Amino acid sequence: MNWHHLVSYFFGGVFLANAVPHLVSGMMGRPFQSPFAKPPGQGFSSSTVNVLWGFFNAVVGYLLVVRVGTFELRSTTNVLALGLGALLISLQVARHFGKFNGGNEPERS
């Protein structure tokens, strides 16, 4: 296994995890932040833009995971690289978008 395969799987995890909120928001017909909004990453993009952006992220994630090296689901190293990428981007976007959607400081009942 080459180290650059693990780097590819890490970034594949980043792209696959980033696809989820965009696809889900778009498919639900809801606007969501995207790089194409004004200001980028803060304003809302349409549900259609989010579906397209989410699909693009899924395709890039697929290419990075399936078309680089030989990704093995039974390989702890491969899965950890992908999972670490997914976890880190998930935490980063949770904090970033939480500023705009109230997720960083939910109301206490």
PDB file of N, CA and C in Angstrom:
ATOM      1  N   MET A   1       0.854  -1.188   0.000  1.00  0.00           N
ATOM      2  CA  MET A   1       0.000   0.000   0.000  1.00  0.00           C
ATOM      3  C   MET A   1       0.888   1.235   0.000  1.00  0.00           C
ATOM      4  N   ASN A   2       0.599   2.117  -0.914  1.00  0.00           N
ATOM      5  CA  ASN A   2       1.320   3.385  -0.989  1.00  0.00           C
ATOM      6  C   ASN A   2       0.646   4.417  -0.089  1.00  0.00           C
ATOM      7  N   TRP A   3       1.444   5.317   0.473  1.00  0.00           N
ATOM      8  CA  TRP A   3       0.895   6.346   1.355  1.00  0.00           C
ATOM      9  C   TRP A   3      -0.068   7.252   0.609  1.00  0.00           C
ATOM     10  N   HIS A   4       0.176   7.456  -0.707  1.00  0.00           N
ATOM     11  CA  HIS A   4      -0.722   8.356  -1.433  1.00  0.00           C
ATOM     12  C   HIS A   4      -2.107   7.740  -1.617  1.00  0.00           C
ATOM     13  N   HIS A   5      -2.224   6.428  -1.513  1.00  0.00           N
ATOM     14  CA  HIS A   5      -3.557   5.813  -1.523  1.00  0.00           C
ATOM     15  C   HIS A   5      -4.327   6.218  -0.271  1.00  0.00           C
ATOM     16  N   LEU A   6      -3.634   6.215   0.870  1.00  0.00           N
ATOM     17  CA  LEU A   6      -4.294   6.608   2.121  1.00  0.00           C
ATOM     18  C   LEU A   6      -4.709   8.074   2.090  1.00  0.00           C
ATOM     19  N   VAL A   7      -3.879   8.923   1.504  1.00  0.00           N
ATOM     20  CA  VAL A   7      -4.237  10.333   1.360  1.00  0.00           C
ATOM     21  C   VAL A   7      -5.477  10.463   0.474  1.00  0.00           C
ATOM     22  N   SER A   8      -5.527   9.687  -0.596  1.00  0.00           N
ATOM     23  CA  SER A   8      -6.688   9.697  -1.485  1.00  0.00           C
ATOM     24  C   SER A   8      -7.942   9.239  -0.748  1.00  0.00           C
ATOM     25  N   TYR A   9      -7.828   8.195   0.077  1.00  0.00           N
ATOM     26  CA  TYR A   9      -8.984   7.699   0.829  1.00  0.00           C
ATOM     27  C   TYR A   9      -9.431   8.724   1.871  1.00  0.00           C
ATOM     28  N   PHE A  10      -8.467   9.413   2.497  1.00  0.00           N
ATOM     29  CA  PHE A  10      -8.796  10.473   3.450  1.00  0.00           C
ATOM     30  C   PHE A  10      -9.652  11.548   2.762  1.00  0.00           C
ATOM     31  N   PHE A  11      -9.177  12.041   1.614  1.00  0.00           N
ATOM     32  CA  PHE A  11      -9.926  13.084   0.912  1.00  0.00           C
ATOM     33  C   PHE A  11     -11.207  12.535   0.287  1.00  0.00           C
ATOM     34  N   GLY A  12     -11.207  11.257  -0.054  1.00  0.00           N
ATOM     35  CA  GLY A  12     -12.448  10.629  -0.498  1.00  0.00           C
ATOM     36  C   GLY A  12     -13.500  10.680   0.599  1.00  0.00           C
ATOM     37  N   GLY A  13     -13.071  10.415   1.839  1.00  0.00           N
ATOM     38  CA  GLY A  13     -13.988  10.526   2.983  1.00  0.00           C
ATOM     39  C   GLY A  13     -14.495  11.939   3.165  1.00  0.00           C
ATOM     40  N   VAL A  14     -13.619  12.919   2.946  1.00  0.00           N
ATOM     41  CA  VAL A  14     -14.014  14.332   3.039  1.00  0.00           C
ATOM     42  C   VAL A  14     -15.123  14.625   2.027  1.00  0.00           C
ATOM     43  N   PHE A  15     -14.893  14.249   0.778  1.00  0.00           N
ATOM     44  CA  PHE A  15     -15.883  14.546  -0.267  1.00  0.00           C
ATOM     45  C   PHE A  15     -17.173  13.770  -0.066  1.00  0.00           C
ATOM     46  N   LEU A  16     -17.081  12.498   0.328  1.00  0.00           N
ATOM     47  CA  LEU A  16     -18.304  11.707   0.532  1.00  0.00           C
ATOM     48  C   LEU A  16     -19.130  12.267   1.683  1.00  0.00           C
ATOM     49  N   ALA A  17     -18.483  12.641   2.781  1.00  0.00           N
ATOM     50  CA  ALA A  17     -19.228  13.213   3.905  1.00  0.00           C
ATOM     51  C   ALA A  17     -19.839  14.561   3.525  1.00  0.00           C
ATOM     52  N   ASN A  18     -19.112  15.362   2.750  1.00  0.00           N
ATOM     53  CA  ASN A  18     -19.629  16.667   2.350  1.00  0.00           C
ATOM     54  C   ASN A  18     -20.807  16.541   1.392  1.00  0.00           C
ATOM     55  N   ALA A  19     -20.900  15.433   0.686  1.00  0.00           N
ATOM     56  CA  ALA A  19     -22.018  15.232  -0.238  1.00  0.00           C
ATOM     57  C   ALA A  19     -23.346  15.108   0.516  1.00  0.00           C
ATOM     58  N   VAL A  20     -23.301  14.536   1.702  1.00  0.00           N
ATOM     59  CA  VAL A  20     -24.535  14.191   2.430  1.00  0.00           C
ATOM     60  C   VAL A  20     -25.424  15.405   2.721  1.00  0.00           C
ATOM     61  N   PRO A  21     -24.941  16.456   3.412  1.00  0.00           N
ATOM     62  CA  PRO A  21     -25.871  17.543   3.745  1.00  0.00           C
ATOM     63  C   PRO A  21     -26.395  18.276   2.514  1.00  0.00           C
ATOM     64  N   HIS A  22     -25.560  18.361   1.477  1.00  0.00           N
ATOM     65  CA  HIS A  22     -26.010  19.054   0.260  1.00  0.00           C
ATOM     66  C   HIS A  22     -27.081  18.241  -0.467  1.00  0.00           C
ATOM     67  N   LEU A  23     -26.852  16.941  -0.605  1.00  0.00           N
ATOM     68  CA  LEU A  23     -27.861  16.101  -1.261  1.00  0.00           C
ATOM     69  C   LEU A  23     -29.151  16.050  -0.462  1.00  0.00           C
ATOM     70  N   VAL A  24     -29.036  15.864   0.844  1.00  0.00           N
ATOM     71  CA  VAL A  24     -30.243  15.759   1.675  1.00  0.00           C
ATOM     72  C   VAL A  24     -31.027  17.073   1.664  1.00  0.00           C
ATOM     73  N   SER A  25     -30.350  18.186   1.881  1.00  0.00           N
ATOM     74  CA  SER A  25     -31.043  19.479   1.866  1.00  0.00           C
ATOM     75  C   SER A  25     -31.696  19.724   0.513  1.00  0.00           C
ATOM     76  N   GLY A  26     -30.942  19.475  -0.548  1.00  0.00           N
ATOM     77  CA  GLY A  26     -31.480  19.689  -1.887  1.00  0.00           C
ATOM     78  C   GLY A  26     -32.664  18.803  -2.183  1.00  0.00           C
ATOM     79  N   MET A  27     -32.570  17.527  -1.814  1.00  0.00           N
ATOM     80  CA  MET A  27     -33.662  16.590  -2.094  1.00  0.00           C
ATOM     81  C   MET A  27     -34.897  16.903  -1.260  1.00  0.00           C
ATOM     82  N   MET A  28     -34.698  17.565  -0.116  1.00  0.00           N
ATOM     83  CA  MET A  28     -35.840  17.979   0.706  1.00  0.00           C
ATOM     84  C   MET A  28     -36.412  19.310   0.230  1.00  0.00           C
ATOM     85  N   GLY A  29     -35.767  19.908  -0.785  1.00  0.00           N
ATOM     86  CA  GLY A  29     -36.249  21.176  -1.307  1.00  0.00           C
ATOM     87  C   GLY A  29     -35.867  22.360  -0.459  1.00  0.00           C
ATOM     88  N   ARG A  30     -34.847  22.198   0.365  1.00  0.00           N
ATOM     89  CA  ARG A  30     -34.442  23.273   1.273  1.00  0.00           C
ATOM     90  C   ARG A  30     -33.155  23.935   0.792  1.00  0.00           C
ATOM     91  N   PRO A  31     -33.045  25.241   0.948  1.00  0.00           N
ATOM     92  CA  PRO A  31     -31.778  25.913   0.635  1.00  0.00           C
ATOM     93  C   PRO A  31     -30.740  25.554   1.700  1.00  0.00           C
ATOM     94  N   PHE A  32     -29.480  25.652   1.324  1.00  0.00           N
ATOM     95  CA  PHE A  32     -28.399  25.351   2.253  1.00  0.00           C
ATOM     96  C   PHE A  32     -27.160  26.110   1.794  1.00  0.00           C
ATOM     97  N   GLN A  33     -26.236  26.359   2.705  1.00  0.00           N
ATOM     98  CA  GLN A  33     -25.012  27.059   2.363  1.00  0.00           C
ATOM     99  C   GLN A  33     -24.205  26.234   1.365  1.00  0.00           C
ATOM    100  N   SER A  34     -23.542  26.925   0.455  1.00  0.00           N
ATOM    101  CA  SER A  34     -22.644  26.259  -0.494  1.00  0.00           C
ATOM    102  C   SER A  34     -21.575  27.250  -0.921  1.00  0.00           C
ATOM    103  N   PRO A  35     -20.552  26.763  -1.617  1.00  0.00           N
ATOM    104  CA  PRO A  35     -19.519  27.679  -2.108  1.00  0.00           C
ATOM    105  C   PRO A  35     -20.028  28.660  -3.154  1.00  0.00           C
ATOM    106  N   PHE A  36     -21.216  28.424  -3.685  1.00  0.00           N
ATOM    107  CA  PHE A  36     -21.752  29.266  -4.757  1.00  0.00           C
ATOM    108  C   PHE A  36     -22.686  30.357  -4.246  1.00  0.00           C
ATOM    109  N   ALA A  37     -22.925  30.372  -2.942  1.00  0.00           N
ATOM    110  CA  ALA A  37     -23.805  31.375  -2.340  1.00  0.00           C
ATOM    111  C   ALA A  37     -23.057  32.701  -2.204  1.00  0.00           C
ATOM    112  N   LYS A  38     -23.802  33.737  -1.903  1.00  0.00           N
ATOM    113  CA  LYS A  38     -23.193  35.042  -1.650  1.00  0.00           C
ATOM    114  C   LYS A  38     -23.544  35.454  -0.231  1.00  0.00           C
ATOM    115  N   PRO A  39     -22.577  35.609   0.660  1.00  0.00           N
ATOM    116  CA  PRO A  39     -21.162  35.270   0.506  1.00  0.00           C
ATOM    117  C   PRO A  39     -20.959  33.754   0.524  1.00  0.00           C
ATOM    118  N   PRO A  40     -19.904  33.283  -0.162  1.00  0.00           N
ATOM    119  CA  PRO A  40     -19.648  31.839  -0.258  1.00  0.00           C
ATOM    120  C   PRO A  40     -19.555  31.175   1.113  1.00  0.00           C
ATOM    121  N   GLY A  41     -20.245  30.056   1.248  1.00  0.00           N
ATOM    122  CA  GLY A  41     -20.197  29.300   2.492  1.00  0.00           C
ATOM    123  C   GLY A  41     -21.015  29.873   3.621  1.00  0.00           C
ATOM    124  N   GLN A  42     -21.663  31.021   3.388  1.00  0.00           N
ATOM    125  CA  GLN A  42     -22.470  31.641   4.435  1.00  0.00           C
ATOM    126  C   GLN A  42     -23.910  31.834   3.983  1.00  0.00           C
ATOM    127  N   GLY A  43     -24.078  32.364   2.771  1.00  0.00           N
ATOM    128  CA  GLY A  43     -25.421  32.551   2.237  1.00  0.00           C
ATOM    129  C   GLY A  43     -26.000  31.217   1.779  1.00  0.00           C
ATOM    130  N   PHE A  44     -27.255  31.253   1.423  1.00  0.00           N
ATOM    131  CA  PHE A  44     -27.931  30.023   0.997  1.00  0.00           C
ATOM    132  C   PHE A  44     -27.912  29.882  -0.516  1.00  0.00           C
ATOM    133  N   SER A  45     -27.792  28.637  -0.950  1.00  0.00           N
ATOM    134  CA  SER A  45     -27.955  28.290  -2.363  1.00  0.00           C
ATOM    135  C   SER A  45     -29.248  27.514  -2.504  1.00  0.00           C
ATOM    136  N   SER A  46     -29.789  27.500  -3.704  1.00  0.00           N
ATOM    137  CA  SER A  46     -31.058  26.805  -3.954  1.00  0.00           C
ATOM    138  C   SER A  46     -30.897  25.302  -3.750  1.00  0.00           C
ATOM    139  N   SER A  47     -32.025  24.643  -3.618  1.00  0.00           N
ATOM    140  CA  SER A  47     -32.011  23.187  -3.475  1.00  0.00           C
ATOM    141  C   SER A  47     -31.405  22.522  -4.709  1.00  0.00           C
ATOM    142  N   THR A  48     -31.651  23.076  -5.890  1.00  0.00           N
ATOM    143  CA  THR A  48     -31.090  22.504  -7.116  1.00  0.00           C
ATOM    144  C   THR A  48     -29.569  22.610  -7.122  1.00  0.00           C
ATOM    145  N   VAL A  49     -29.045  23.764  -6.741  1.00  0.00           N
ATOM    146  CA  VAL A  49     -27.587  23.939  -6.666  1.00  0.00           C
ATOM    147  C   VAL A  49     -26.997  22.947  -5.665  1.00  0.00           C
ATOM    148  N   ASN A  50     -27.676  22.741  -4.554  1.00  0.00           N
ATOM    149  CA  ASN A  50     -27.169  21.814  -3.547  1.00  0.00           C
ATOM    150  C   ASN A  50     -27.188  20.368  -4.022  1.00  0.00           C
ATOM    151  N   VAL A  51     -28.204  19.970  -4.770  1.00  0.00           N
ATOM    152  CA  VAL A  51     -28.205  18.613  -5.325  1.00  0.00           C
ATOM    153  C   VAL A  51     -27.024  18.446  -6.277  1.00  0.00           C
ATOM    154  N   LEU A  52     -26.806  19.425  -7.138  1.00  0.00           N
ATOM    155  CA  LEU A  52     -25.692  19.340  -8.086  1.00  0.00           C
ATOM    156  C   LEU A  52     -24.349  19.327  -7.358  1.00  0.00           C
ATOM    157  N   TRP A  53     -24.178  20.180  -6.356  1.00  0.00           N
ATOM    158  CA  TRP A  53     -22.936  20.233  -5.601  1.00  0.00           C
ATOM    159  C   TRP A  53     -22.728  18.929  -4.814  1.00  0.00           C
ATOM    160  N   GLY A  54     -23.784  18.421  -4.225  1.00  0.00           N
ATOM    161  CA  GLY A  54     -23.687  17.162  -3.488  1.00  0.00           C
ATOM    162  C   GLY A  54     -23.341  15.997  -4.405  1.00  0.00           C
ATOM    163  N   PHE A  55     -23.941  15.961  -5.578  1.00  0.00           N
ATOM    164  CA  PHE A  55     -23.654  14.897  -6.537  1.00  0.00           C
ATOM    165  C   PHE A  55     -22.208  14.984  -7.007  1.00  0.00           C
ATOM    166  N   PHE A  56     -21.729  16.201  -7.262  1.00  0.00           N
ATOM    167  CA  PHE A  56     -20.325  16.390  -7.646  1.00  0.00           C
ATOM    168  C   PHE A  56     -19.396  15.861  -6.554  1.00  0.00           C
ATOM    169  N   ASN A  57     -19.691  16.185  -5.294  1.00  0.00           N
ATOM    170  CA  ASN A  57     -18.879  15.702  -4.182  1.00  0.00           C
ATOM    171  C   ASN A  57     -18.902  14.180  -4.101  1.00  0.00           C
ATOM    172  N   ALA A  58     -20.055  13.572  -4.338  1.00  0.00           N
ATOM    173  CA  ALA A  58     -20.152  12.107  -4.309  1.00  0.00           C
ATOM    174  C   ALA A  58     -19.319  11.474  -5.419  1.00  0.00           C
ATOM    175  N   VAL A  59     -19.346  12.058  -6.596  1.00  0.00           N
ATOM    176  CA  VAL A  59     -18.553  11.528  -7.718  1.00  0.00           C
ATOM    177  C   VAL A  59     -17.064  11.641  -7.423  1.00  0.00           C
ATOM    178  N   VAL A  60     -16.620  12.802  -6.922  1.00  0.00           N
ATOM    179  CA  VAL A  60     -15.202  12.972  -6.595  1.00  0.00           C
ATOM    180  C   VAL A  60     -14.799  11.994  -5.489  1.00  0.00           C
ATOM    181  N   GLY A  61     -15.642  11.857  -4.474  1.00  0.00           N
ATOM    182  CA  GLY A  61     -15.362  10.896  -3.402  1.00  0.00           C
ATOM    183  C   GLY A  61     -15.240   9.483  -3.936  1.00  0.00           C
ATOM    184  N   TYR A  62     -16.146   9.094  -4.811  1.00  0.00           N
ATOM    185  CA  TYR A  62     -16.081   7.772  -5.445  1.00  0.00           C
ATOM    186  C   TYR A  62     -14.762   7.590  -6.181  1.00  0.00           C
ATOM    187  N   LEU A  63     -14.399   8.568  -6.990  1.00  0.00           N
ATOM    188  CA  LEU A  63     -13.165   8.469  -7.762  1.00  0.00           C
ATOM    189  C   LEU A  63     -11.944   8.331  -6.856  1.00  0.00           C
ATOM    190  N   LEU A  64     -11.910   9.088  -5.769  1.00  0.00           N
ATOM    191  CA  LEU A  64     -10.768   9.045  -4.858  1.00  0.00           C
ATOM    192  C   LEU A  64     -10.684   7.734  -4.076  1.00  0.00           C
ATOM    193  N   VAL A  65     -11.825   7.124  -3.806  1.00  0.00           N
ATOM    194  CA  VAL A  65     -11.832   5.898  -3.004  1.00  0.00           C
ATOM    195  C   VAL A  65     -11.751   4.646  -3.884  1.00  0.00           C
ATOM    196  N   VAL A  66     -12.524   4.603  -4.925  1.00  0.00           N
ATOM    197  CA  VAL A  66     -12.643   3.367  -5.706  1.00  0.00           C
ATOM    198  C   VAL A  66     -11.655   3.289  -6.864  1.00  0.00           C
ATOM    199  N   ARG A  67     -11.271   4.421  -7.411  1.00  0.00           N
ATOM    200  CA  ARG A  67     -10.427   4.401  -8.598  1.00  0.00           C
ATOM    201  C   ARG A  67      -8.941   4.618  -8.312  1.00  0.00           C
ATOM    202  N   VAL A  68      -8.580   4.849  -7.053  1.00  0.00           N
ATOM    203  CA  VAL A  68      -7.174   5.012  -6.681  1.00  0.00           C
ATOM    204  C   VAL A  68      -6.789   3.807  -5.826  1.00  0.00           C
ATOM    205  N   GLY A  69      -5.801   3.063  -6.251  1.00  0.00           N
ATOM    206  CA  GLY A  69      -5.383   1.886  -5.494  1.00  0.00           C
ATOM    207  C   GLY A  69      -6.485   0.855  -5.445  1.00  0.00           C
ATOM    208  N   THR A  70      -6.464   0.058  -4.388  1.00  0.00           N
ATOM    209  CA  THR A  70      -7.491  -0.963  -4.180  1.00  0.00           C
ATOM    210  C   THR A  70      -8.033  -0.798  -2.768  1.00  0.00           C
ATOM    211  N   PHE A  71      -9.117  -0.034  -2.648  1.00  0.00           N
ATOM    212  CA  PHE A  71      -9.723   0.190  -1.338  1.00  0.00           C
ATOM    213  C   PHE A  71     -10.343  -1.119  -0.859  1.00  0.00           C
ATOM    214  N   GLU A  72      -9.981  -1.503   0.358  1.00  0.00           N
ATOM    215  CA  GLU A  72     -10.510  -2.725   0.954  1.00  0.00           C
ATOM    216  C   GLU A  72     -11.294  -2.384   2.215  1.00  0.00           C
ATOM    217  N   LEU A  73     -12.580  -2.748   2.237  1.00  0.00           N
ATOM    218  CA  LEU A  73     -13.397  -2.492   3.426  1.00  0.00           C
ATOM    219  C   LEU A  73     -12.900  -3.269   4.634  1.00  0.00           C
ATOM    220  N   ARG A  74     -12.205  -4.366   4.413  1.00  0.00           N
ATOM    221  CA  ARG A  74     -11.684  -5.168   5.523  1.00  0.00           C
ATOM    222  C   ARG A  74     -10.316  -4.687   5.996  1.00  0.00           C
ATOM    223  N   SER A  75      -9.775  -3.671   5.353  1.00  0.00           N
ATOM    224  CA  SER A  75      -8.492  -3.104   5.768  1.00  0.00           C
ATOM    225  C   SER A  75      -8.738  -1.985   6.768  1.00  0.00           C
ATOM    226  N   THR A  76      -8.323  -2.194   7.992  1.00  0.00           N
ATOM    227  CA  THR A  76      -8.507  -1.181   9.032  1.00  0.00           C
ATOM    228  C   THR A  76      -7.848   0.130   8.636  1.00  0.00           C
ATOM    229  N   THR A  77      -6.667   0.053   8.051  1.00  0.00           N
ATOM    230  CA  THR A  77      -5.950   1.264   7.647  1.00  0.00           C
ATOM    231  C   THR A  77      -6.738   2.050   6.606  1.00  0.00           C
ATOM    232  N   ASN A  78      -7.273   1.371   5.603  1.00  0.00           N
ATOM    233  CA  ASN A  78      -8.064   2.044   4.566  1.00  0.00           C
ATOM    234  C   ASN A  78      -9.297   2.699   5.158  1.00  0.00           C
ATOM    235  N   VAL A  79     -10.014   1.958   5.990  1.00  0.00           N
ATOM    236  CA  VAL A  79     -11.257   2.470   6.572  1.00  0.00           C
ATOM    237  C   VAL A  79     -10.966   3.618   7.539  1.00  0.00           C
ATOM    238  N   LEU A  80      -9.873   3.520   8.299  1.00  0.00           N
ATOM    239  CA  LEU A  80      -9.513   4.617   9.203  1.00  0.00           C
ATOM    240  C   LEU A  80      -9.176   5.886   8.437  1.00  0.00           C
ATOM    241  N   ALA A  81      -8.467   5.758   7.325  1.00  0.00           N
ATOM    242  CA  ALA A  81      -8.132   6.941   6.522  1.00  0.00           C
ATOM    243  C   ALA A  81      -9.402   7.607   6.010  1.00  0.00           C
ATOM    244  N   LEU A  82     -10.320   6.824   5.442  1.00  0.00           N
ATOM    245  CA  LEU A  82     -11.581   7.363   4.938  1.00  0.00           C
ATOM    246  C   LEU A  82     -12.413   7.941   6.085  1.00  0.00           C
ATOM    247  N   GLY A  83     -12.513   7.194   7.185  1.00  0.00           N
ATOM    248  CA  GLY A  83     -13.315   7.640   8.320  1.00  0.00           C
ATOM    249  C   GLY A  83     -12.773   8.897   8.968  1.00  0.00           C
ATOM    250  N   LEU A  84     -11.443   9.009   9.041  1.00  0.00           N
ATOM    251  CA  LEU A  84     -10.851  10.211   9.620  1.00  0.00           C
ATOM    252  C   LEU A  84     -11.159  11.441   8.769  1.00  0.00           C
ATOM    253  N   GLY A  85     -11.070  11.294   7.455  1.00  0.00           N
ATOM    254  CA  GLY A  85     -11.425  12.403   6.571  1.00  0.00           C
ATOM    255  C   GLY A  85     -12.879  12.808   6.753  1.00  0.00           C
ATOM    256  N   ALA A  86     -13.772  11.806   6.822  1.00  0.00           N
ATOM    257  CA  ALA A  86     -15.201  12.091   6.994  1.00  0.00           C
ATOM    258  C   ALA A  86     -15.473  12.746   8.349  1.00  0.00           C
ATOM    259  N   LEU A  87     -14.828  12.239   9.394  1.00  0.00           N
ATOM    260  CA  LEU A  87     -15.042  12.796  10.734  1.00  0.00           C
ATOM    261  C   LEU A  87     -14.563  14.237  10.831  1.00  0.00           C
ATOM    262  N   LEU A  88     -13.357  14.493  10.328  1.00  0.00           N
ATOM    263  CA  LEU A  88     -12.801  15.842  10.460  1.00  0.00           C
ATOM    264  C   LEU A  88     -13.594  16.883   9.676  1.00  0.00           C
ATOM    265  N   ILE A  89     -14.014  16.553   8.450  1.00  0.00           N
ATOM    266  CA  ILE A  89     -14.819  17.527   7.700  1.00  0.00           C
ATOM    267  C   ILE A  89     -16.188  17.695   8.364  1.00  0.00           C
ATOM    268  N   SER A  90     -16.731  16.625   8.916  1.00  0.00           N
ATOM    269  CA  SER A  90     -18.035  16.715   9.582  1.00  0.00           C
ATOM    270  C   SER A  90     -17.975  17.635  10.789  1.00  0.00           C
ATOM    271  N   LEU A  91     -16.914  17.499  11.591  1.00  0.00           N
ATOM    272  CA  LEU A  91     -16.757  18.381  12.751  1.00  0.00           C
ATOM    273  C   LEU A  91     -16.549  19.829  12.323  1.00  0.00           C
ATOM    274  N   GLN A  92     -15.749  20.029  11.280  1.00  0.00           N
ATOM    275  CA  GLN A  92     -15.469  21.389  10.813  1.00  0.00           C
ATOM    276  C   GLN A  92     -16.728  22.060  10.300  1.00  0.00           C
ATOM    277  N   VAL A  93     -17.504  21.368   9.465  1.00  0.00           N
ATOM    278  CA  VAL A  93     -18.699  22.003   8.916  1.00  0.00           C
ATOM    279  C   VAL A  93     -19.797  22.136   9.970  1.00  0.00           C
ATOM    280  N   ALA A  94     -19.817  21.235  10.962  1.00  0.00           N
ATOM    281  CA  ALA A  94     -20.790  21.378  12.049  1.00  0.00           C
ATOM    282  C   ALA A  94     -20.553  22.686  12.797  1.00  0.00           C
ATOM    283  N   ARG A  95     -19.294  22.980  13.075  1.00  0.00           N
ATOM    284  CA  ARG A  95     -18.978  24.243  13.757  1.00  0.00           C
ATOM    285  C   ARG A  95     -19.260  25.446  12.863  1.00  0.00           C
ATOM    286  N   HIS A  96     -18.842  25.344  11.590  1.00  0.00           N
ATOM    287  CA  HIS A  96     -19.022  26.465  10.668  1.00  0.00           C
ATOM    288  C   HIS A  96     -20.500  26.768  10.438  1.00  0.00           C
ATOM    289  N   PHE A  97     -21.272  25.763  10.038  1.00  0.00           N
ATOM    290  CA  PHE A  97     -22.684  25.991   9.744  1.00  0.00           C
ATOM    291  C   PHE A  97     -23.505  26.164  11.009  1.00  0.00           C
ATOM    292  N   GLY A  98     -23.010  25.667  12.128  1.00  0.00           N
ATOM    293  CA  GLY A  98     -23.696  25.874  13.402  1.00  0.00           C
ATOM    294  C   GLY A  98     -23.802  27.343  13.767  1.00  0.00           C
ATOM    295  N   LYS A  99     -22.837  28.154  13.291  1.00  0.00           N
ATOM    296  CA  LYS A  99     -22.893  29.604  13.532  1.00  0.00           C
ATOM    297  C   LYS A  99     -24.123  30.218  12.876  1.00  0.00           C
ATOM    298  N   PHE A 100     -24.514  29.687  11.734  1.00  0.00           N
ATOM    299  CA  PHE A 100     -25.615  30.266  10.967  1.00  0.00           C
ATOM    300  C   PHE A 100     -26.959  29.611  11.264  1.00  0.00           C
ATOM    301  N   ASN A 101     -26.936  28.379  11.735  1.00  0.00           N
ATOM    302  CA  ASN A 101     -28.173  27.625  11.937  1.00  0.00           C
ATOM    303  C   ASN A 101     -28.493  27.345  13.396  1.00  0.00           C
ATOM    304  N   GLY A 102     -27.736  27.928  14.317  1.00  0.00           N
ATOM    305  CA  GLY A 102     -28.027  27.777  15.737  1.00  0.00           C
ATOM    306  C   GLY A 102     -27.553  26.484  16.358  1.00  0.00           C
ATOM    307  N   GLY A 103     -26.767  25.705  15.642  1.00  0.00           N
ATOM    308  CA  GLY A 103     -26.346  24.407  16.164  1.00  0.00           C
ATOM    309  C   GLY A 103     -25.222  24.457  17.180  1.00  0.00           C
ATOM    310  N   ASN A 104     -24.492  25.552  17.239  1.00  0.00           N
ATOM    311  CA  ASN A 104     -23.378  25.638  18.191  1.00  0.00           C
ATOM    312  C   ASN A 104     -23.836  25.935  19.612  1.00  0.00           C
ATOM    313  N   GLU A 105     -24.980  26.599  19.721  1.00  0.00           N
ATOM    314  CA  GLU A 105     -25.511  26.935  21.045  1.00  0.00           C
ATOM    315  C   GLU A 105     -27.021  26.705  21.049  1.00  0.00           C
ATOM    316  N   PRO A 106     -27.429  25.429  21.092  1.00  0.00           N
ATOM    317  CA  PRO A 106     -28.871  25.155  21.076  1.00  0.00           C
ATOM    318  C   PRO A 106     -29.537  25.695  22.352  1.00  0.00           C
ATOM    319  N   GLU A 107     -30.775  26.066  22.192  1.00  0.00           N
ATOM    320  CA  GLU A 107     -31.526  26.600  23.334  1.00  0.00           C
ATOM    321  C   GLU A 107     -31.722  25.507  24.370  1.00  0.00           C
ATOM    322  N   ARG A 108     -31.608  25.899  25.610  1.00  0.00           N
ATOM    323  CA  ARG A 108     -31.830  24.944  26.705  1.00  0.00           C
ATOM    324  C   ARG A 108     -33.297  25.067  27.144  1.00  0.00           C
ATOM    325  N   SER A 109     -33.903  23.907  27.414  1.00  0.00           N
ATOM    326  CA  SER A 109     -35.316  23.953  27.837  1.00  0.00           C
ATOM    327  C   SER A 109     -35.449  23.829  29.325  1.00  0.00           C
TER     328      SER A 109
END
